[in-house]
Amino acid sequence: MGDFDNKEREEVFSKKVRAGKRTYFFDVKSTRSNDYYITVTESKKRLEDGVFVKHKIFLYKEDFEKFAEGLKETVDYIKAHQEVVEKRYEFTENSTEPTKAEDDFSFDI
């Protein structure tokens, strides 16, 4: 099973979601025993020095349902108590702060 040693945290699938000043990365990774799990990473440029700060959580498949239920319940609570206007970030959108091209290369996956 030595072949699988290099598979620890091997990336299987990745989805990048741009949301204004933040970028979210949803990555499916594989453990040594070929078990999949998800990492969710938020990346945001710090205004003071331009450094990208990343926050990451790990989500294991035995927790998917509970996590999804908790997230949905929390989002539903906010939507029930305040107006939520979902933003659509598109390249044609006129913004007061244009997206910088170098943001594309700021995060090593």
Protein backbone atom coordinates (compact mmCIF):
# COMPACT_ATOMS: atom_id res chain seq x y z
CA MET A 1 0.00 0.00 0.00
CA GLY A 2 3.01 2.31 -0.27
CA ASP A 3 1.51 3.66 -3.50
CA PHE A 4 -1.20 5.41 -1.50
CA ASP A 5 1.17 7.36 0.77
CA ASN A 6 1.39 10.17 -1.76
CA LYS A 7 -2.42 10.28 -2.03
CA GLU A 8 -2.87 11.90 1.36
CA ARG A 9 -4.79 15.11 0.77
CA GLU A 10 -4.75 14.52 -2.97
CA GLU A 11 -7.14 16.87 -4.71
CA VAL A 12 -9.97 15.11 -6.54
CA PHE A 13 -12.24 18.03 -7.48
CA SER A 14 -12.14 21.79 -7.00
CA LYS A 15 -14.72 24.55 -7.35
CA LYS A 16 -13.73 28.22 -7.09
CA VAL A 17 -16.47 30.71 -6.19
CA ARG A 18 -15.78 34.43 -6.44
CA ALA A 19 -17.94 36.58 -4.20
CA GLY A 20 -16.89 40.20 -4.32
CA LYS A 21 -13.78 40.73 -2.20
CA ARG A 22 -13.76 37.10 -1.11
CA THR A 23 -13.06 33.90 -2.96
CA TYR A 24 -14.27 30.53 -1.71
CA PHE A 25 -12.66 27.25 -2.68
CA PHE A 26 -14.58 24.00 -2.31
CA ASP A 27 -12.12 21.13 -2.68
CA VAL A 28 -12.71 17.40 -2.57
CA LYS A 29 -9.60 15.66 -1.28
CA SER A 30 -8.66 12.07 -0.69
CA THR A 31 -7.04 10.50 2.35
CA ARG A 32 -4.44 7.75 2.19
CA SER A 33 -7.23 5.19 2.48
CA ASN A 34 -8.99 6.85 -0.50
CA ASP A 35 -11.72 8.38 1.65
CA TYR A 36 -13.08 11.68 0.33
CA TYR A 37 -13.58 14.81 2.41
CA ILE A 38 -14.19 18.51 1.67
CA THR A 39 -12.14 21.54 2.54
CA VAL A 40 -13.84 24.92 2.38
CA THR A 41 -11.40 27.83 2.17
CA GLU A 42 -12.19 31.53 2.33
CA SER A 43 -9.50 33.77 0.86
CA LYS A 44 -9.60 37.54 1.32
CA LYS A 45 -7.01 40.22 0.65
CA ARG A 46 -6.03 42.12 3.79
CA LEU A 47 -6.28 45.84 3.10
CA GLU A 48 -3.29 46.86 5.23
CA ASP A 49 -0.66 44.90 3.33
CA GLY A 50 -2.36 43.13 0.43
CA VAL A 51 -1.63 39.70 1.91
CA PHE A 52 -4.24 37.03 1.24
CA VAL A 53 -5.62 35.63 4.49
CA LYS A 54 -7.11 32.15 4.26
CA HIS A 55 -9.48 30.38 6.63
CA LYS A 56 -10.14 26.69 6.12
CA ILE A 57 -12.58 24.15 7.51
CA PHE A 58 -12.61 20.41 6.94
CA LEU A 59 -15.92 18.66 6.34
CA TYR A 60 -16.09 14.88 6.55
CA LYS A 61 -18.73 12.86 4.76
CA GLU A 62 -20.32 11.52 7.95
CA ASP A 63 -21.16 15.16 8.78
CA PHE A 64 -22.54 16.29 5.38
CA GLU A 65 -26.23 16.03 6.31
CA LYS A 66 -25.90 17.72 9.70
CA PHE A 67 -23.71 20.47 8.24
CA ALA A 68 -26.13 21.10 5.34
CA GLU A 69 -29.13 21.13 7.73
CA GLY A 70 -27.40 23.57 10.07
CA LEU A 71 -26.36 25.87 7.23
CA LYS A 72 -29.84 25.84 5.69
CA GLU A 73 -31.52 26.51 9.04
CA THR A 74 -29.15 29.41 9.73
CA VAL A 75 -29.62 30.94 6.26
CA ASP A 76 -33.41 30.50 6.51
CA TYR A 77 -33.39 32.28 9.89
CA ILE A 78 -31.62 35.31 8.43
CA LYS A 79 -33.87 35.36 5.35
CA ALA A 80 -36.93 35.25 7.62
CA HIS A 81 -35.71 38.18 9.72
CA GLN A 82 -33.95 40.41 7.20
CA GLU A 83 -34.06 41.06 3.50
CA VAL A 84 -31.26 39.19 1.74
CA VAL A 85 -30.27 40.38 -1.70
CA GLU A 86 -27.99 37.82 -3.30
CA LYS A 87 -25.31 39.46 -5.37
CA ARG A 88 -24.40 38.18 -8.79
CA TYR A 89 -20.77 38.86 -9.51
CA GLU A 90 -20.28 39.06 -13.24
CA PHE A 91 -17.47 40.38 -15.34
CA THR A 92 -19.79 42.89 -17.04
CA GLU A 93 -21.00 44.30 -13.72
CA ASN A 94 -19.99 47.92 -13.17
CA SER A 95 -18.38 48.05 -9.78
CA THR A 96 -16.81 50.85 -7.77
CA GLU A 97 -13.92 48.49 -7.02
CA PRO A 98 -12.89 46.55 -10.12
CA THR A 99 -11.55 43.05 -9.69
CA LYS A 100 -7.82 42.92 -10.16
CA ALA A 101 -6.41 40.37 -12.58
CA GLU A 102 -3.67 39.28 -10.17
CA ASP A 103 -6.35 37.87 -7.83
CA ASP A 104 -6.56 34.89 -10.17
CA PHE A 105 -3.09 33.77 -9.20
CA SER A 106 -3.15 34.54 -5.52
CA PHE A 107 -4.02 31.11 -4.14
CA ASP A 108 -2.13 27.88 -4.57
CA ILE A 109 -4.51 24.93 -4.68
